[in-house]
Each structure stands twice: as structure tokens, then as C-alpha cells.
Amino acid sequence: MQVWEKPPGGERNVISTLNFLDWKNQNTVFEAMAAEAGAWMVLTGGENPVALKCARVSAPYFSIYRAEPLLGRTFAPMKINLVSNAKWF
């Protein structure tokens, strides 16, 4: 199931990280919630750079879909501290 945000009179839009975290922390309905955002990244190191369509996901994205890695492991939940400084450019 996907959950979207729709402002009054507007179209559905992406959800901010802080809104997602609020929804996740206040959730009483779903067994688990994970965030997903599409992205483009560039793979370098070969002869030519290659543009890759990717998705940035949060834990427990893979376990929600019952997906197991063929090799290695998925990532574990972690706490992230955001630091902001108005003087950064």
C-alpha cells in the first residue's frame, strides 16, 4: 500500500522526511512503514559514466516486500542526526 499526501485543492505530492517520520511514529494501523524516493545516480569508474535510475529507501523497505538479498544483507534501521548551519553554502 502507498500513502500519499494531498494538500487542499492540490495534487498528491511527495512527503517530507519529517512528515514521514511523524506518520511512522504515530502509526497504529500498519505493521511497518518505509519511505521511497526515486533518484538518478551516476556510476563512474569505468570507461564512461552511466546514469542509473535508482530508488532511495529506508529500512524496513525490503522486509515489507519480503525481499531477501542474493548476497550480503539488507541494511538495519539506524538513528540519523541532522545538523544544520546557516553559514554553509
Protein backbone atom coordinates (compact mmCIF):
# COMPACT_ATOMS: atom_id res chain seq x y z
CA MET A 1 0.00 0.00 0.00
CA GLN A 2 1.23 3.50 -0.71
CA VAL A 3 0.26 6.53 1.34
CA TRP A 4 0.41 9.96 -0.25
CA GLU A 5 -0.08 13.49 0.96
CA LYS A 6 -2.54 15.77 -0.83
CA PRO A 7 -2.87 19.42 0.17
CA PRO A 8 -6.32 21.04 -0.09
CA GLY A 9 -7.08 21.80 -3.75
CA GLY A 10 -3.79 20.29 -4.90
CA GLU A 11 -2.41 17.15 -6.46
CA ARG A 12 -0.72 14.41 -4.49
CA ASN A 13 2.86 15.26 -3.73
CA VAL A 14 5.98 13.83 -2.19
CA ILE A 15 6.09 13.64 1.57
CA SER A 16 8.76 15.45 3.52
CA THR A 17 11.10 13.38 5.65
CA LEU A 18 9.77 14.94 8.83
CA ASN A 19 6.14 14.26 7.88
CA PHE A 20 7.03 10.63 7.10
CA LEU A 21 8.76 10.26 10.47
CA ASP A 22 5.68 11.71 12.21
CA TRP A 23 3.40 9.29 10.34
CA LYS A 24 5.69 6.36 11.15
CA ASN A 25 5.92 7.26 14.85
CA GLN A 26 2.16 7.83 15.18
CA ASN A 27 1.19 4.76 13.11
CA THR A 28 -1.27 2.36 14.74
CA VAL A 29 -2.55 0.67 11.58
CA PHE A 30 0.36 -0.72 9.56
CA GLU A 31 2.78 -3.42 10.65
CA ALA A 32 5.69 -1.40 9.24
CA MET A 33 6.29 1.70 7.13
CA ALA A 34 9.17 2.59 4.82
CA ALA A 35 9.93 5.61 2.66
CA GLU A 36 10.87 5.52 -1.02
CA ALA A 37 12.10 8.29 -3.31
CA GLY A 38 13.16 7.99 -6.92
CA ALA A 39 16.58 9.27 -7.90
CA TRP A 40 19.14 9.33 -10.69
CA MET A 41 22.73 8.50 -9.87
CA VAL A 42 25.86 8.26 -11.96
CA LEU A 43 28.06 5.16 -11.84
CA THR A 44 31.69 6.01 -12.52
CA GLY A 45 34.91 4.08 -12.53
CA GLY A 46 34.51 2.51 -15.96
CA GLU A 47 35.37 3.90 -19.34
CA ASN A 48 32.22 6.06 -19.45
CA PRO A 49 29.88 7.26 -16.68
CA VAL A 50 26.49 5.55 -16.71
CA ALA A 51 23.24 7.17 -15.49
CA LEU A 52 21.20 4.78 -13.33
CA LYS A 53 17.58 5.16 -12.29
CA CYS A 54 17.55 4.32 -8.58
CA ALA A 55 15.40 4.50 -5.50
CA ARG A 56 16.41 5.71 -2.08
CA VAL A 57 14.62 3.61 0.52
CA SER A 58 14.52 3.37 4.28
CA ALA A 59 14.55 0.30 6.48
CA PRO A 60 12.42 -1.89 6.57
CA TYR A 61 11.66 -1.47 2.84
CA PHE A 62 12.95 -4.88 1.78
CA SER A 63 11.34 -6.83 4.62
CA ILE A 64 7.95 -5.24 3.86
CA TYR A 65 8.13 -6.75 0.37
CA ARG A 66 9.60 -10.00 1.76
CA ALA A 67 12.68 -9.45 -0.43
CA GLU A 68 15.89 -11.20 0.54
CA PRO A 69 19.30 -10.24 -0.89
CA LEU A 70 21.03 -12.80 -3.10
CA LEU A 71 24.31 -11.88 -1.46
CA GLY A 72 25.08 -9.98 1.74
CA ARG A 73 22.34 -8.41 3.85
CA THR A 74 19.88 -5.56 3.80
CA PHE A 75 20.52 -2.51 5.96
CA ALA A 76 19.38 -2.15 9.53
CA PRO A 77 17.43 0.77 10.98
CA MET A 78 19.61 3.50 12.41
CA LYS A 79 19.21 6.85 14.06
CA ILE A 80 20.21 9.80 11.93
CA ASN A 81 21.16 13.16 13.37
CA LEU A 82 20.70 16.14 11.07
CA VAL A 83 23.00 19.08 11.58
CA SER A 84 22.27 22.44 10.02
CA ASN A 85 24.41 25.53 9.86
CA ALA A 86 23.10 28.65 8.13
CA LYS A 87 26.66 29.61 7.16
CA TRP A 88 27.13 26.56 4.93
CA PHE A 89 26.93 27.34 1.22
